[in-house]
N, C-alpha and C. Protein backbone atom coordinates (compact mmCIF):
# COMPACT_ATOMS: atom_id res chain seq x y z
N MET A 1 101.91 115.33 76.24
CA MET A 1 102.27 114.97 77.59
C MET A 1 101.09 114.25 78.24
N ARG A 2 101.34 113.14 78.89
CA ARG A 2 100.30 112.39 79.58
C ARG A 2 100.03 113.01 80.94
N GLU A 3 98.78 112.94 81.36
CA GLU A 3 98.40 113.43 82.68
C GLU A 3 97.96 112.25 83.53
N TYR A 4 98.30 112.32 84.81
CA TYR A 4 97.93 111.29 85.76
C TYR A 4 97.30 111.94 86.98
N LYS A 5 96.44 111.19 87.66
CA LYS A 5 95.82 111.67 88.89
C LYS A 5 96.67 111.21 90.07
N LEU A 6 97.40 112.15 90.66
CA LEU A 6 98.25 111.86 91.81
C LEU A 6 97.50 112.26 93.07
N VAL A 7 97.42 111.35 94.02
CA VAL A 7 96.74 111.60 95.28
C VAL A 7 97.80 111.70 96.37
N VAL A 8 97.77 112.79 97.13
CA VAL A 8 98.70 113.01 98.24
C VAL A 8 97.95 112.69 99.53
N LEU A 9 98.46 111.71 100.28
CA LEU A 9 97.80 111.27 101.51
C LEU A 9 98.77 111.27 102.67
N GLY A 10 98.25 111.57 103.84
CA GLY A 10 99.04 111.54 105.06
C GLY A 10 98.16 111.91 106.23
N SER A 11 98.70 111.80 107.42
CA SER A 11 97.97 112.18 108.62
C SER A 11 97.72 113.67 108.64
N GLY A 12 96.78 114.08 109.48
CA GLY A 12 96.52 115.51 109.64
C GLY A 12 97.76 116.25 110.10
N GLY A 13 97.95 117.45 109.58
CA GLY A 13 99.06 118.28 110.02
C GLY A 13 100.38 118.01 109.34
N VAL A 14 100.38 117.33 108.19
CA VAL A 14 101.64 117.07 107.50
C VAL A 14 101.80 117.92 106.24
N GLY A 15 101.03 118.99 106.15
CA GLY A 15 101.24 119.93 105.06
C GLY A 15 100.47 119.66 103.78
N LYS A 16 99.32 119.03 103.89
CA LYS A 16 98.44 118.83 102.73
C LYS A 16 97.02 119.01 103.23
N SER A 17 96.07 119.09 102.31
CA SER A 17 94.67 119.25 102.70
C SER A 17 94.21 118.01 103.44
N ALA A 18 93.64 118.19 104.61
CA ALA A 18 93.20 117.06 105.43
C ALA A 18 91.84 116.56 104.97
N LEU A 19 91.71 115.24 104.87
CA LEU A 19 90.44 114.63 104.49
C LEU A 19 89.93 113.71 105.59
N GLU A 20 90.45 113.85 106.80
CA GLU A 20 90.08 112.93 107.87
C GLU A 20 88.58 112.89 108.13
N GLN A 21 87.92 114.05 108.07
CA GLN A 21 86.50 114.07 108.37
C GLN A 21 85.65 113.67 107.17
N PHE A 22 86.25 113.47 106.01
CA PHE A 22 85.52 113.12 104.81
C PHE A 22 85.99 111.76 104.29
N THR A 23 85.70 110.71 105.04
CA THR A 23 86.18 109.38 104.70
C THR A 23 85.71 108.94 103.31
N ALA A 24 84.45 109.21 102.99
CA ALA A 24 83.93 108.81 101.68
C ALA A 24 84.69 109.50 100.56
N MET A 25 85.04 110.76 100.74
CA MET A 25 85.80 111.49 99.73
C MET A 25 87.20 110.91 99.60
N ARG A 26 87.81 110.58 100.73
CA ARG A 26 89.15 110.00 100.70
C ARG A 26 89.14 108.69 99.92
N ASP A 27 88.13 107.85 100.17
CA ASP A 27 88.00 106.59 99.44
C ASP A 27 87.82 106.84 97.95
N LEU A 28 87.05 107.85 97.60
CA LEU A 28 86.83 108.17 96.19
C LEU A 28 88.13 108.62 95.54
N TYR A 29 88.91 109.46 96.23
CA TYR A 29 90.21 109.88 95.71
C TYR A 29 91.12 108.67 95.51
N MET A 30 91.10 107.74 96.46
CA MET A 30 91.93 106.54 96.34
C MET A 30 91.48 105.70 95.16
N LYS A 31 90.19 105.54 95.00
CA LYS A 31 89.65 104.72 93.92
C LYS A 31 90.05 105.27 92.56
N ASN A 32 90.00 106.60 92.41
CA ASN A 32 90.27 107.22 91.12
C ASN A 32 91.73 107.59 90.90
N GLY A 33 92.54 107.50 91.94
CA GLY A 33 93.95 107.87 91.81
C GLY A 33 94.74 106.89 90.96
N GLN A 34 95.72 107.43 90.25
CA GLN A 34 96.60 106.60 89.43
C GLN A 34 98.00 106.51 90.01
N GLY A 35 98.27 107.34 91.00
CA GLY A 35 99.54 107.34 91.70
C GLY A 35 99.33 107.94 93.08
N PHE A 36 100.16 107.57 94.02
CA PHE A 36 99.97 108.02 95.39
C PHE A 36 101.29 108.48 96.00
N ALA A 37 101.24 109.62 96.68
CA ALA A 37 102.38 110.11 97.45
C ALA A 37 101.94 110.08 98.91
N LEU A 38 102.56 109.20 99.69
CA LEU A 38 102.25 109.11 101.11
C LEU A 38 103.25 109.98 101.85
N VAL A 39 102.74 110.96 102.59
CA VAL A 39 103.62 111.94 103.23
C VAL A 39 103.51 111.86 104.75
N TYR A 40 104.60 112.27 105.41
CA TYR A 40 104.63 112.29 106.87
C TYR A 40 105.48 113.46 107.33
N SER A 41 105.33 113.79 108.60
CA SER A 41 106.11 114.87 109.18
C SER A 41 107.37 114.29 109.82
N ILE A 42 108.50 114.90 109.55
CA ILE A 42 109.75 114.41 110.16
C ILE A 42 109.81 114.75 111.65
N THR A 43 108.85 115.52 112.13
CA THR A 43 108.83 115.88 113.55
C THR A 43 107.73 115.16 114.33
N ALA A 44 107.05 114.20 113.70
CA ALA A 44 105.97 113.48 114.38
C ALA A 44 105.99 112.00 113.97
N GLN A 45 106.50 111.16 114.85
CA GLN A 45 106.61 109.73 114.58
C GLN A 45 105.26 109.11 114.21
N SER A 46 104.18 109.56 114.84
CA SER A 46 102.86 108.98 114.59
C SER A 46 102.45 109.13 113.12
N THR A 47 102.84 110.23 112.48
CA THR A 47 102.48 110.42 111.07
C THR A 47 103.22 109.42 110.18
N PHE A 48 104.42 109.05 110.58
CA PHE A 48 105.18 108.01 109.86
C PHE A 48 104.52 106.65 110.07
N ASN A 49 104.13 106.38 111.32
CA ASN A 49 103.50 105.11 111.65
C ASN A 49 102.18 104.91 110.91
N ASP A 50 101.47 105.99 110.60
CA ASP A 50 100.18 105.92 109.92
C ASP A 50 100.29 105.49 108.46
N LEU A 51 101.48 105.54 107.88
CA LEU A 51 101.64 105.24 106.45
C LEU A 51 101.25 103.81 106.10
N GLN A 52 101.55 102.86 106.96
CA GLN A 52 101.20 101.46 106.67
C GLN A 52 99.69 101.30 106.55
N ASP A 53 98.94 101.92 107.47
CA ASP A 53 97.48 101.85 107.40
C ASP A 53 96.96 102.49 106.12
N LEU A 54 97.54 103.62 105.72
CA LEU A 54 97.12 104.28 104.49
C LEU A 54 97.37 103.39 103.28
N ARG A 55 98.53 102.75 103.25
CA ARG A 55 98.84 101.85 102.13
C ARG A 55 97.84 100.71 102.06
N GLU A 56 97.52 100.10 103.20
CA GLU A 56 96.56 99.00 103.22
C GLU A 56 95.17 99.47 102.78
N GLN A 57 94.81 100.69 103.17
CA GLN A 57 93.52 101.23 102.75
C GLN A 57 93.48 101.44 101.23
N ILE A 58 94.57 101.94 100.68
CA ILE A 58 94.64 102.12 99.22
C ILE A 58 94.45 100.78 98.52
N LEU A 59 95.15 99.75 98.98
CA LEU A 59 95.04 98.43 98.36
C LEU A 59 93.63 97.88 98.47
N ARG A 60 92.97 98.14 99.60
CA ARG A 60 91.61 97.67 99.80
C ARG A 60 90.63 98.42 98.88
N VAL A 61 90.80 99.71 98.76
CA VAL A 61 89.88 100.55 97.97
C VAL A 61 90.10 100.36 96.47
N LYS A 62 91.34 100.12 96.05
CA LYS A 62 91.64 99.97 94.63
C LYS A 62 91.19 98.59 94.14
N ASP A 63 89.98 98.24 94.40
CA ASP A 63 89.38 96.97 94.03
C ASP A 63 89.38 96.86 92.51
N THR A 64 90.43 96.31 91.95
CA THR A 64 90.61 96.34 90.50
C THR A 64 89.76 95.32 89.77
N GLU A 65 89.37 95.69 88.58
CA GLU A 65 88.59 94.82 87.70
C GLU A 65 89.39 93.56 87.34
N ASP A 66 90.71 93.64 87.39
CA ASP A 66 91.56 92.50 87.06
C ASP A 66 91.33 91.32 88.00
N GLU A 67 90.86 91.60 89.22
CA GLU A 67 90.65 90.55 90.21
C GLU A 67 89.27 89.92 90.10
N ARG A 68 88.48 90.36 89.16
CA ARG A 68 87.11 89.85 88.99
C ARG A 68 87.16 88.35 88.72
N VAL A 69 86.28 87.61 89.40
CA VAL A 69 86.18 86.18 89.22
C VAL A 69 84.88 85.83 88.47
N VAL A 70 83.79 86.52 88.80
CA VAL A 70 82.51 86.30 88.15
C VAL A 70 82.28 87.44 87.17
N GLY A 71 82.12 87.11 85.90
CA GLY A 71 81.93 88.12 84.87
C GLY A 71 80.55 88.76 84.93
N LYS A 72 80.47 90.00 84.47
CA LYS A 72 79.20 90.72 84.44
C LYS A 72 78.18 89.96 83.59
N GLU A 73 78.64 89.41 82.48
CA GLU A 73 77.75 88.66 81.60
C GLU A 73 77.16 87.44 82.30
N GLN A 74 77.94 86.79 83.17
CA GLN A 74 77.43 85.65 83.93
C GLN A 74 76.27 86.08 84.81
N GLY A 75 76.41 87.21 85.47
CA GLY A 75 75.34 87.73 86.33
C GLY A 75 74.11 88.08 85.53
N GLN A 76 74.31 88.71 84.38
CA GLN A 76 73.19 89.08 83.51
C GLN A 76 72.45 87.83 83.02
N ASN A 77 73.20 86.81 82.64
CA ASN A 77 72.58 85.56 82.18
C ASN A 77 71.77 84.90 83.28
N LEU A 78 72.30 84.88 84.49
CA LEU A 78 71.57 84.28 85.61
C LEU A 78 70.28 85.05 85.88
N ALA A 79 70.34 86.37 85.83
CA ALA A 79 69.14 87.19 86.04
C ALA A 79 68.08 86.88 84.98
N ARG A 80 68.51 86.69 83.74
CA ARG A 80 67.56 86.34 82.66
C ARG A 80 66.93 84.97 82.92
N GLN A 81 67.75 84.02 83.38
CA GLN A 81 67.24 82.67 83.66
C GLN A 81 66.21 82.68 84.79
N TRP A 82 66.41 83.57 85.75
CA TRP A 82 65.50 83.65 86.88
C TRP A 82 64.35 84.60 86.56
N CYS A 83 63.52 84.21 85.64
CA CYS A 83 62.31 84.99 85.29
C CYS A 83 62.62 86.38 84.81
N ASN A 84 63.72 86.53 84.10
CA ASN A 84 64.10 87.83 83.53
C ASN A 84 64.18 88.92 84.61
N CYS A 85 64.82 88.59 85.72
CA CYS A 85 64.98 89.54 86.83
C CYS A 85 65.87 90.70 86.41
N ALA A 86 65.72 91.81 87.12
CA ALA A 86 66.59 92.97 86.90
C ALA A 86 68.00 92.62 87.34
N PHE A 87 68.99 93.22 86.70
CA PHE A 87 70.39 92.99 87.04
C PHE A 87 71.10 94.33 87.19
N LEU A 88 71.87 94.45 88.25
CA LEU A 88 72.63 95.67 88.50
C LEU A 88 73.84 95.30 89.34
N GLU A 89 75.03 95.70 88.90
CA GLU A 89 76.22 95.51 89.72
C GLU A 89 76.37 96.72 90.62
N SER A 90 76.76 96.46 91.85
CA SER A 90 76.99 97.57 92.78
C SER A 90 78.20 97.24 93.65
N SER A 91 78.72 98.28 94.29
CA SER A 91 79.85 98.11 95.19
C SER A 91 79.77 99.16 96.29
N ALA A 92 79.56 98.69 97.51
CA ALA A 92 79.56 99.61 98.63
C ALA A 92 80.95 100.20 98.81
N LYS A 93 81.96 99.38 98.57
CA LYS A 93 83.34 99.84 98.71
C LYS A 93 83.64 100.99 97.75
N SER A 94 83.15 100.88 96.53
CA SER A 94 83.43 101.90 95.51
C SER A 94 82.34 102.95 95.40
N LYS A 95 81.29 102.78 96.18
CA LYS A 95 80.15 103.72 96.15
C LYS A 95 79.51 103.76 94.76
N ILE A 96 79.38 102.60 94.12
CA ILE A 96 78.80 102.51 92.79
C ILE A 96 77.43 101.84 92.88
N ASN A 97 76.40 102.50 92.40
CA ASN A 97 75.03 101.99 92.36
C ASN A 97 74.50 101.55 93.71
N VAL A 98 75.00 102.11 94.79
CA VAL A 98 74.54 101.73 96.13
C VAL A 98 73.11 102.21 96.35
N ASN A 99 72.82 103.44 96.00
CA ASN A 99 71.46 103.97 96.19
C ASN A 99 70.46 103.33 95.25
N GLU A 100 70.91 102.86 94.11
CA GLU A 100 70.00 102.24 93.15
C GLU A 100 69.50 100.89 93.63
N VAL A 101 70.28 100.21 94.46
CA VAL A 101 69.88 98.90 94.98
C VAL A 101 68.78 99.12 95.98
């Protein structure tokens, strides 16, 4: 049986663990998630209205490798040409190698 990482997201008070105060954690869950369940309360219109923003945030955070335009090897080659400079890819959006820069 295959396992997938399902992320349940919604506004506060819709019956799941709230991550509102932990934005970095929410972004990390979105980045690593393989499927998403967006939930809302049938008794609160605002929780339904928040779903569009959540969807847009997921699309923004899921910065896929498929959209890459400049290859890692291109960056490494340029660094070598420039006096053998150090090379490191980082992403503030994905929280990858941010502290190393």
